[in-house]
Amino acid sequence: MNVFLDFEASSLSDKSHPIEVAWIFEDGRSESHLIAPAPTWDDWDEAAERIHGISRATLNSEGAPHDMVARRMLEQLSGHDLFASAPSWDGKWLSLLLRTAGLPRHALRLKDTDVALRESAMRILRDVVQPDRLEPVTTDLIAWATASKQATPDHRALADAAEERAVWQRLEDRARTIASGQASDRAGP
């Protein structure tokens, strides 16, 4: 099953660490976790805090231990296709979270949400769109679905992951509409 994931972090520096993670399955099930910093995680950027609105004090008082969050992620997400809008950043924080918890850093792998969009469009349309038109129709459909995306993300993990899922769902719905129209056109009057 497709799962859309997002992290918030202490900063965008090389020493940044995850402070919040959330995921939402394609069927709508979701989880969100504040992450208490591991003892070696001391990076903090006040500007980043102003953006995501999560304070260090909140993480220390309400955050779950990093190793518990990492184990929960493995338990819930293993065997699923994981997608993020910024897989290089989110992948960095995922890898750090897993490594710091003593887990294999590649136990979970992220792909770009655009991959999920392309795969879904191709799967739905491949039997009803002419082969020479499939790529341009898919590209146009992805552009259409992502154009409705919020200009500025909420910078909270669950809201941002849910937005990625919503873009994917819009694409799926539109692709099915196109496919049913194409199938009707080929069936004749």
Protein backbone atom coordinates (compact mmCIF):
# COMPACT_ATOMS: atom_id res chain seq x y z
CA MET A 1 0.00 0.00 0.00
CA ASN A 2 1.17 3.56 -0.64
CA VAL A 3 2.09 5.56 2.45
CA PHE A 4 2.85 9.28 2.43
CA LEU A 5 5.34 10.41 5.05
CA ASP A 6 6.77 13.69 6.30
CA PHE A 7 9.28 14.82 8.90
CA GLU A 8 9.80 18.13 10.63
CA ALA A 9 13.33 18.81 11.83
CA SER A 10 15.43 20.88 14.19
CA SER A 11 16.91 22.81 11.26
CA LEU A 12 18.15 22.31 7.73
CA SER A 13 21.79 22.06 8.78
CA ASP A 14 24.03 19.01 8.39
CA LYS A 15 23.54 18.30 12.11
CA SER A 16 19.74 18.54 12.01
CA HIS A 17 17.61 15.81 13.51
CA PRO A 18 13.97 14.76 13.25
CA ILE A 19 11.54 16.27 15.73
CA GLU A 20 8.23 15.06 14.30
CA VAL A 21 7.15 12.34 11.90
CA ALA A 22 3.78 11.44 10.49
CA TRP A 23 2.47 9.09 7.88
CA ILE A 24 -0.83 8.47 6.19
CA PHE A 25 -1.77 5.34 4.30
CA GLU A 26 -3.65 5.61 1.03
CA ASP A 27 -6.74 4.35 2.89
CA GLY A 28 -6.54 7.30 5.30
CA ARG A 29 -5.11 5.60 8.40
CA SER A 30 -2.47 7.87 9.94
CA GLU A 31 -0.10 8.39 12.83
CA SER A 32 1.90 11.35 14.06
CA HIS A 33 4.69 11.41 16.64
CA LEU A 34 6.72 14.13 18.27
CA ILE A 35 10.25 12.82 18.77
CA ALA A 36 12.16 13.54 21.96
CA PRO A 37 15.79 14.26 21.06
CA ALA A 38 18.36 11.51 21.48
CA PRO A 39 21.17 12.46 23.88
CA THR A 40 23.52 13.31 20.99
CA TRP A 41 21.00 15.47 19.13
CA ASP A 42 21.67 19.07 20.14
CA ASP A 43 21.10 21.01 16.90
CA TRP A 44 18.41 23.70 17.08
CA ASP A 45 17.43 26.63 14.89
CA GLU A 46 15.10 29.28 16.31
CA ALA A 47 14.02 30.23 12.78
CA ALA A 48 12.95 26.63 12.11
CA GLU A 49 11.02 26.64 15.40
CA ARG A 50 9.12 29.74 14.26
CA ILE A 51 8.16 27.88 11.07
CA HIS A 52 6.97 24.57 12.55
CA GLY A 53 5.94 25.95 15.97
CA ILE A 54 7.39 23.04 17.95
CA SER A 55 9.60 24.07 20.87
CA ARG A 56 12.41 22.10 22.45
CA ALA A 57 10.46 22.17 25.71
CA THR A 58 7.49 20.57 23.95
CA LEU A 59 9.71 17.83 22.51
CA ASN A 60 11.22 17.12 25.91
CA SER A 61 7.86 16.99 27.68
CA GLU A 62 5.61 15.44 25.01
CA GLY A 63 7.95 13.70 22.57
CA ALA A 64 8.19 9.92 22.41
CA PRO A 65 11.66 8.41 22.79
CA HIS A 66 13.39 8.29 19.40
CA ASP A 67 13.95 4.52 19.57
CA MET A 68 10.24 3.86 20.25
CA VAL A 69 9.27 5.99 17.24
CA ALA A 70 11.80 4.18 15.05
CA ARG A 71 10.50 0.76 16.10
CA ARG A 72 6.90 1.87 15.55
CA MET A 73 7.80 3.03 12.06
CA LEU A 74 9.37 -0.34 11.24
CA GLU A 75 6.37 -2.17 12.66
CA GLN A 76 3.81 -0.13 10.72
CA LEU A 77 5.63 0.76 7.50
CA SER A 78 7.71 -2.27 6.54
CA GLY A 79 6.52 -3.81 3.30
CA HIS A 80 4.73 -0.68 2.10
CA ASP A 81 5.74 1.86 -0.55
CA LEU A 82 6.83 5.04 1.24
CA PHE A 83 6.64 8.42 -0.48
CA ALA A 84 7.71 11.93 0.53
CA SER A 85 7.71 15.28 -1.21
CA ALA A 86 11.37 15.85 -0.27
CA PRO A 87 12.87 12.35 -0.07
CA SER A 88 16.46 13.55 0.20
CA TRP A 89 15.70 15.55 3.38
CA ASP A 90 13.13 13.16 4.80
CA GLY A 91 15.40 10.22 3.95
CA LYS A 92 18.27 11.87 5.84
CA TRP A 93 16.12 12.22 8.97
CA LEU A 94 14.68 8.72 8.59
CA SER A 95 18.17 7.26 8.30
CA LEU A 96 19.38 9.21 11.35
CA LEU A 97 16.38 8.12 13.40
CA LEU A 98 16.87 4.45 12.51
CA ARG A 99 20.66 4.52 13.02
CA THR A 100 20.41 6.29 16.37
CA ALA A 101 17.88 3.68 17.50
CA GLY A 102 20.37 0.92 16.57
CA LEU A 103 18.32 -0.21 13.57
CA PRO A 104 19.49 -0.68 9.98
CA ARG A 105 19.40 2.73 8.31
CA HIS A 106 18.00 1.30 5.08
CA ALA A 107 15.24 -0.73 6.75
CA LEU A 108 12.75 1.75 5.29
CA ARG A 109 13.25 3.52 1.96
CA LEU A 110 11.57 6.64 0.65
CA LYS A 111 10.69 7.53 -2.91
CA ASP A 112 9.55 10.85 -4.31
CA THR A 113 5.78 11.38 -4.32
CA ASP A 114 6.09 12.06 -8.06
CA VAL A 115 6.92 8.36 -8.48
CA ALA A 116 3.60 7.41 -6.86
CA LEU A 117 1.77 9.87 -9.09
CA ARG A 118 3.42 8.56 -12.27
CA GLU A 119 2.92 4.88 -11.31
CA SER A 120 -0.76 5.44 -10.50
CA ALA A 121 -1.49 7.37 -13.68
CA MET A 122 0.28 4.81 -15.87
CA ARG A 123 -1.45 1.88 -14.16
CA ILE A 124 -4.91 3.37 -14.58
CA LEU A 125 -4.45 4.75 -18.10
CA ARG A 126 -2.20 2.21 -19.86
CA ASP A 127 -5.06 0.09 -21.22
CA VAL A 128 -7.21 2.99 -22.42
CA VAL A 129 -4.79 5.65 -23.71
CA GLN A 130 -2.89 5.11 -26.94
CA PRO A 131 0.75 4.16 -26.19
CA ASP A 132 2.13 7.23 -27.98
CA ARG A 133 -0.15 9.48 -25.86
CA LEU A 134 0.38 7.79 -22.48
CA GLU A 135 3.47 9.78 -21.47
CA PRO A 136 2.10 13.24 -22.35
CA VAL A 137 -1.29 12.48 -20.80
CA THR A 138 0.45 11.26 -17.63
CA THR A 139 2.70 14.33 -17.48
CA ASP A 140 -0.30 16.66 -17.92
CA LEU A 141 -2.25 14.78 -15.26
CA ILE A 142 0.62 15.07 -12.75
CA ALA A 143 0.93 18.80 -13.48
CA TRP A 144 -2.82 19.20 -12.98
CA ALA A 145 -2.83 17.28 -9.67
CA THR A 146 0.18 19.11 -8.22
CA ALA A 147 -1.07 22.55 -9.32
CA SER A 148 -3.74 22.37 -6.63
CA LYS A 149 -1.13 21.77 -3.93
CA GLN A 150 -0.82 24.39 -1.21
CA ALA A 151 1.74 27.06 -2.13
CA THR A 152 3.14 26.99 1.40
CA PRO A 153 3.15 23.74 3.38
CA ASP A 154 1.78 23.74 6.91
CA HIS A 155 5.18 22.58 8.24
CA ARG A 156 3.55 20.05 10.51
CA ALA A 157 4.24 16.46 9.60
CA LEU A 158 0.70 15.08 9.47
CA ALA A 159 -0.77 18.03 7.57
CA ASP A 160 2.03 17.90 5.01
CA ALA A 161 1.80 14.11 4.58
CA ALA A 162 -1.98 14.41 4.21
CA GLU A 163 -1.50 17.03 1.50
CA GLU A 164 0.73 14.61 -0.43
CA ARG A 165 -1.95 11.93 -0.13
CA ALA A 166 -4.61 14.40 -1.27
CA VAL A 167 -2.61 15.22 -4.42
CA TRP A 168 -2.22 11.49 -5.13
CA GLN A 169 -5.96 10.91 -4.55
CA ARG A 170 -6.91 13.78 -6.89
CA LEU A 171 -4.69 12.23 -9.56
CA GLU A 172 -6.19 8.77 -9.02
CA ASP A 173 -9.75 10.12 -9.24
CA ARG A 174 -9.03 12.17 -12.36
CA ALA A 175 -7.19 9.27 -14.04
CA ARG A 176 -10.19 7.00 -13.43
CA THR A 177 -12.50 9.61 -14.92
CA ILE A 178 -10.27 9.89 -17.99
CA ALA A 179 -10.06 6.09 -18.25
CA SER A 180 -13.82 5.64 -18.06
CA GLY A 181 -14.30 8.33 -20.73
CA GLN A 182 -11.70 6.73 -22.99
CA ALA A 183 -13.25 3.29 -22.52
CA SER A 184 -16.68 4.70 -23.37
CA ASP A 185 -15.27 6.40 -26.48
CA ARG A 186 -13.82 3.10 -27.70
CA ALA A 187 -17.06 1.22 -27.00
CA GLY A 188 -18.86 3.35 -29.53
CA PRO A 189 -22.36 4.83 -29.40
